Amino acid sequence: MCRNIKTLFNFEPPATEAEIRAASLQFVRKLSGFGKPSQANQAAFERAVEETTAVAQQLIASLVTNAPPRDRDVEAERARERSAKRFMRVD
């Protein structure tokens, strides 16, 4: 589940609220063990996602770095290259 959580700090353009919420959702899913919670746990699950999203937004907003922002397109291409190498088919 959590392998889909991406680094969100120091990118140009900055991470969107939707990206931060998606990462928070994946984190709460991993912690709870629920891909989709039961009705009995739905309220607690949603509250945890909202609170995690708020904390993550605060964290990203408060971090500082001297490094130049990374380009999303360049990083995506690097990830595709790593994936191609990792899953290269040998016939």
N, C-alpha and C. Protein backbone atom coordinates (compact mmCIF):
# COMPACT_ATOMS: atom_id res chain seq x y z
N MET A 1 0.80 -1.20 0.00
CA MET A 1 0.00 0.00 0.00
C MET A 1 0.85 1.27 0.00
N CYS A 2 1.79 1.39 0.90
CA CYS A 2 2.53 2.65 1.07
C CYS A 2 3.54 2.92 -0.02
N ARG A 3 3.81 1.97 -0.88
CA ARG A 3 4.81 2.24 -1.90
C ARG A 3 4.35 3.34 -2.84
N ASN A 4 3.07 3.69 -2.82
CA ASN A 4 2.55 4.74 -3.68
C ASN A 4 2.71 6.13 -3.08
N ILE A 5 3.17 6.22 -1.85
CA ILE A 5 3.38 7.53 -1.24
C ILE A 5 4.66 8.11 -1.82
N LYS A 6 4.55 9.29 -2.37
CA LYS A 6 5.67 9.96 -3.02
C LYS A 6 6.17 11.11 -2.15
N THR A 7 7.44 11.47 -2.33
CA THR A 7 7.99 12.65 -1.68
C THR A 7 7.25 13.87 -2.21
N LEU A 8 6.83 14.75 -1.31
CA LEU A 8 6.04 15.90 -1.72
C LEU A 8 6.73 17.24 -1.45
N PHE A 9 7.84 17.22 -0.77
CA PHE A 9 8.53 18.46 -0.42
C PHE A 9 9.56 18.85 -1.48
N ASN A 10 9.68 20.13 -1.70
CA ASN A 10 10.69 20.74 -2.56
C ASN A 10 10.53 20.37 -4.03
N PHE A 11 9.30 20.49 -4.51
CA PHE A 11 9.02 20.28 -5.93
C PHE A 11 8.46 21.55 -6.53
N GLU A 12 8.67 21.68 -7.80
CA GLU A 12 8.09 22.79 -8.56
C GLU A 12 7.23 22.20 -9.66
N PRO A 13 5.96 22.42 -9.71
CA PRO A 13 5.14 23.19 -8.77
C PRO A 13 4.97 22.43 -7.45
N PRO A 14 4.63 23.15 -6.39
CA PRO A 14 4.47 22.51 -5.07
C PRO A 14 3.36 21.47 -5.06
N ALA A 15 3.42 20.60 -4.07
CA ALA A 15 2.40 19.56 -3.92
C ALA A 15 1.03 20.20 -3.72
N THR A 16 0.04 19.59 -4.33
CA THR A 16 -1.33 20.08 -4.18
C THR A 16 -1.96 19.48 -2.93
N GLU A 17 -3.07 20.06 -2.53
CA GLU A 17 -3.81 19.52 -1.38
C GLU A 17 -4.28 18.10 -1.68
N ALA A 18 -4.67 17.85 -2.92
CA ALA A 18 -5.12 16.51 -3.30
C ALA A 18 -3.98 15.49 -3.19
N GLU A 19 -2.76 15.86 -3.56
CA GLU A 19 -1.62 14.95 -3.45
C GLU A 19 -1.31 14.65 -1.98
N ILE A 20 -1.39 15.68 -1.15
CA ILE A 20 -1.12 15.48 0.27
C ILE A 20 -2.19 14.61 0.90
N ARG A 21 -3.45 14.82 0.51
CA ARG A 21 -4.54 13.99 1.04
C ARG A 21 -4.39 12.54 0.58
N ALA A 22 -4.01 12.33 -0.67
CA ALA A 22 -3.82 10.96 -1.18
C ALA A 22 -2.73 10.24 -0.40
N ALA A 23 -1.64 10.94 -0.11
CA ALA A 23 -0.56 10.33 0.68
C ALA A 23 -1.04 10.03 2.09
N SER A 24 -1.84 10.92 2.66
CA SER A 24 -2.38 10.71 4.00
C SER A 24 -3.32 9.52 4.03
N LEU A 25 -4.14 9.39 3.00
CA LEU A 25 -5.05 8.26 2.90
C LEU A 25 -4.27 6.95 2.85
N GLN A 26 -3.22 6.89 2.05
CA GLN A 26 -2.39 5.68 1.96
C GLN A 26 -1.75 5.36 3.31
N PHE A 27 -1.29 6.41 4.01
CA PHE A 27 -0.66 6.22 5.32
C PHE A 27 -1.66 5.64 6.31
N VAL A 28 -2.87 6.20 6.37
CA VAL A 28 -3.88 5.71 7.30
C VAL A 28 -4.31 4.29 6.92
N ARG A 29 -4.42 4.00 5.64
CA ARG A 29 -4.73 2.63 5.22
C ARG A 29 -3.68 1.65 5.72
N LYS A 30 -2.42 2.04 5.59
CA LYS A 30 -1.34 1.17 6.02
C LYS A 30 -1.38 0.94 7.52
N LEU A 31 -1.56 2.03 8.29
CA LEU A 31 -1.59 1.89 9.74
C LEU A 31 -2.77 1.06 10.22
N SER A 32 -3.93 1.28 9.61
CA SER A 32 -5.14 0.60 10.07
C SER A 32 -5.25 -0.82 9.52
N GLY A 33 -4.65 -1.07 8.37
CA GLY A 33 -4.79 -2.36 7.73
C GLY A 33 -6.07 -2.47 6.91
N PHE A 34 -6.79 -1.36 6.78
CA PHE A 34 -8.04 -1.34 6.02
C PHE A 34 -7.83 -0.65 4.69
N GLY A 35 -8.19 -1.32 3.61
CA GLY A 35 -8.26 -0.65 2.32
C GLY A 35 -9.50 0.22 2.29
N LYS A 36 -10.57 -0.34 2.84
CA LYS A 36 -11.83 0.38 3.00
C LYS A 36 -12.39 -0.06 4.35
N PRO A 37 -12.56 0.88 5.28
CA PRO A 37 -13.03 0.49 6.62
C PRO A 37 -14.51 0.11 6.62
N SER A 38 -14.90 -0.63 7.63
CA SER A 38 -16.31 -0.97 7.82
C SER A 38 -17.08 0.28 8.21
N GLN A 39 -18.40 0.20 8.17
CA GLN A 39 -19.21 1.35 8.57
C GLN A 39 -18.94 1.75 10.01
N ALA A 40 -18.66 0.77 10.85
CA ALA A 40 -18.38 1.05 12.26
C ALA A 40 -17.11 1.86 12.44
N ASN A 41 -16.16 1.70 11.53
CA ASN A 41 -14.87 2.40 11.64
C ASN A 41 -14.74 3.58 10.69
N GLN A 42 -15.73 3.82 9.85
CA GLN A 42 -15.65 4.85 8.82
C GLN A 42 -15.36 6.24 9.38
N ALA A 43 -16.07 6.64 10.43
CA ALA A 43 -15.88 7.99 11.00
C ALA A 43 -14.47 8.17 11.54
N ALA A 44 -13.98 7.17 12.27
CA ALA A 44 -12.63 7.26 12.83
C ALA A 44 -11.59 7.29 11.72
N PHE A 45 -11.81 6.49 10.68
CA PHE A 45 -10.90 6.43 9.55
C PHE A 45 -10.83 7.79 8.84
N GLU A 46 -11.98 8.37 8.52
CA GLU A 46 -12.02 9.67 7.84
C GLU A 46 -11.41 10.77 8.69
N ARG A 47 -11.67 10.73 10.00
CA ARG A 47 -11.09 11.73 10.91
C ARG A 47 -9.56 11.61 10.90
N ALA A 48 -9.06 10.39 10.90
CA ALA A 48 -7.62 10.18 10.87
C ALA A 48 -7.02 10.70 9.57
N VAL A 49 -7.69 10.48 8.45
CA VAL A 49 -7.20 10.98 7.16
C VAL A 49 -7.16 12.50 7.17
N GLU A 50 -8.22 13.14 7.66
CA GLU A 50 -8.28 14.61 7.69
C GLU A 50 -7.20 15.18 8.60
N GLU A 51 -7.01 14.59 9.77
CA GLU A 51 -6.00 15.08 10.71
C GLU A 51 -4.59 14.85 10.17
N THR A 52 -4.36 13.71 9.55
CA THR A 52 -3.06 13.42 8.95
C THR A 52 -2.77 14.39 7.81
N THR A 53 -3.78 14.70 7.01
CA THR A 53 -3.62 15.66 5.92
C THR A 53 -3.22 17.03 6.47
N ALA A 54 -3.90 17.48 7.52
CA ALA A 54 -3.61 18.78 8.11
C ALA A 54 -2.18 18.84 8.65
N VAL A 55 -1.76 17.79 9.33
CA VAL A 55 -0.40 17.75 9.89
C VAL A 55 0.63 17.71 8.77
N ALA A 56 0.36 16.93 7.74
CA ALA A 56 1.30 16.85 6.61
C ALA A 56 1.43 18.19 5.90
N GLN A 57 0.32 18.91 5.74
CA GLN A 57 0.38 20.24 5.11
C GLN A 57 1.21 21.19 5.96
N GLN A 58 1.03 21.14 7.28
CA GLN A 58 1.82 21.98 8.18
C GLN A 58 3.30 21.63 8.08
N LEU A 59 3.60 20.36 8.04
CA LEU A 59 5.00 19.92 7.94
C LEU A 59 5.63 20.44 6.66
N ILE A 60 4.98 20.21 5.54
CA ILE A 60 5.54 20.63 4.24
C ILE A 60 5.71 22.14 4.19
N ALA A 61 4.76 22.88 4.76
CA ALA A 61 4.84 24.34 4.76
C ALA A 61 5.96 24.86 5.64
N SER A 62 6.33 24.11 6.68
CA SER A 62 7.34 24.60 7.62
C SER A 62 8.76 24.14 7.28
N LEU A 63 8.93 23.19 6.38
CA LEU A 63 10.26 22.72 6.02
C LEU A 63 11.01 23.76 5.19
N VAL A 64 12.32 23.83 5.38
CA VAL A 64 13.15 24.74 4.61
C VAL A 64 14.33 23.97 4.02
N THR A 65 14.82 24.46 2.90
CA THR A 65 15.98 23.84 2.26
C THR A 65 16.69 24.88 1.42
N ASN A 66 17.98 24.68 1.23
CA ASN A 66 18.76 25.53 0.34
C ASN A 66 18.85 24.92 -1.06
N ALA A 67 18.39 23.69 -1.20
CA ALA A 67 18.44 23.00 -2.48
C ALA A 67 17.40 23.59 -3.43
N PRO A 68 17.73 23.64 -4.71
CA PRO A 68 16.73 24.13 -5.67
C PRO A 68 15.58 23.14 -5.78
N PRO A 69 14.38 23.62 -6.08
CA PRO A 69 13.24 22.71 -6.23
C PRO A 69 13.47 21.71 -7.35
N ARG A 70 13.00 20.50 -7.14
CA ARG A 70 13.11 19.46 -8.16
C ARG A 70 11.96 19.59 -9.15
N ASP A 71 12.22 19.22 -10.38
CA ASP A 71 11.21 19.27 -11.42
C ASP A 71 10.44 17.96 -11.44
N ARG A 72 9.13 18.04 -11.36
CA ARG A 72 8.30 16.84 -11.31
C ARG A 72 8.47 15.96 -12.55
N ASP A 73 8.56 16.58 -13.71
CA ASP A 73 8.69 15.80 -14.95
C ASP A 73 10.00 15.04 -15.00
N VAL A 74 11.07 15.69 -14.58
CA VAL A 74 12.39 15.03 -14.56
C VAL A 74 12.39 13.87 -13.58
N GLU A 75 11.83 14.08 -12.40
CA GLU A 75 11.78 13.01 -11.39
C GLU A 75 10.89 11.86 -11.86
N ALA A 76 9.80 12.16 -12.54
CA ALA A 76 8.92 11.11 -13.06
C ALA A 76 9.64 10.27 -14.11
N GLU A 77 10.42 10.92 -14.96
CA GLU A 77 11.18 10.19 -15.99
C GLU A 77 12.23 9.29 -15.33
N ARG A 78 12.90 9.79 -14.31
CA ARG A 78 13.88 8.97 -13.60
C ARG A 78 13.21 7.75 -12.97
N ALA A 79 12.03 7.95 -12.41
CA ALA A 79 11.31 6.83 -11.80
C ALA A 79 10.93 5.80 -12.85
N ARG A 80 10.50 6.26 -14.03
CA ARG A 80 10.16 5.32 -15.11
C ARG A 80 11.39 4.53 -15.54
N GLU A 81 12.54 5.20 -15.62
CA GLU A 81 13.78 4.50 -15.99
C GLU A 81 14.16 3.46 -14.95
N ARG A 82 14.05 3.81 -13.67
CA ARG A 82 14.37 2.85 -12.61
C ARG A 82 13.42 1.66 -12.68
N SER A 83 12.15 1.93 -12.93
CA SER A 83 11.17 0.86 -13.02
C SER A 83 11.46 -0.04 -14.21
N ALA A 84 11.81 0.55 -15.33
CA ALA A 84 12.12 -0.25 -16.53
C ALA A 84 13.30 -1.18 -16.26
N LYS A 85 14.34 -0.66 -15.61
CA LYS A 85 15.50 -1.49 -15.27
C LYS A 85 15.12 -2.60 -14.31
N ARG A 86 14.31 -2.23 -13.31
CA ARG A 86 13.95 -3.19 -12.28
C ARG A 86 13.11 -4.33 -12.82
N PHE A 87 12.19 -4.01 -13.72
CA PHE A 87 11.27 -5.01 -14.23
C PHE A 87 11.56 -5.43 -15.66
N MET A 88 12.81 -5.22 -16.08
CA MET A 88 13.21 -5.57 -17.42
C MET A 88 13.00 -7.06 -17.67
N ARG A 89 12.38 -7.35 -18.79
CA ARG A 89 12.13 -8.75 -19.15
C ARG A 89 13.37 -9.34 -19.82
N VAL A 90 13.69 -10.54 -19.39
CA VAL A 90 14.78 -11.28 -20.00
C VAL A 90 14.15 -12.47 -20.70
N ASP A 91 14.22 -12.47 -22.02
CA ASP A 91 13.58 -13.56 -22.80
C ASP A 91 14.55 -14.65 -23.12
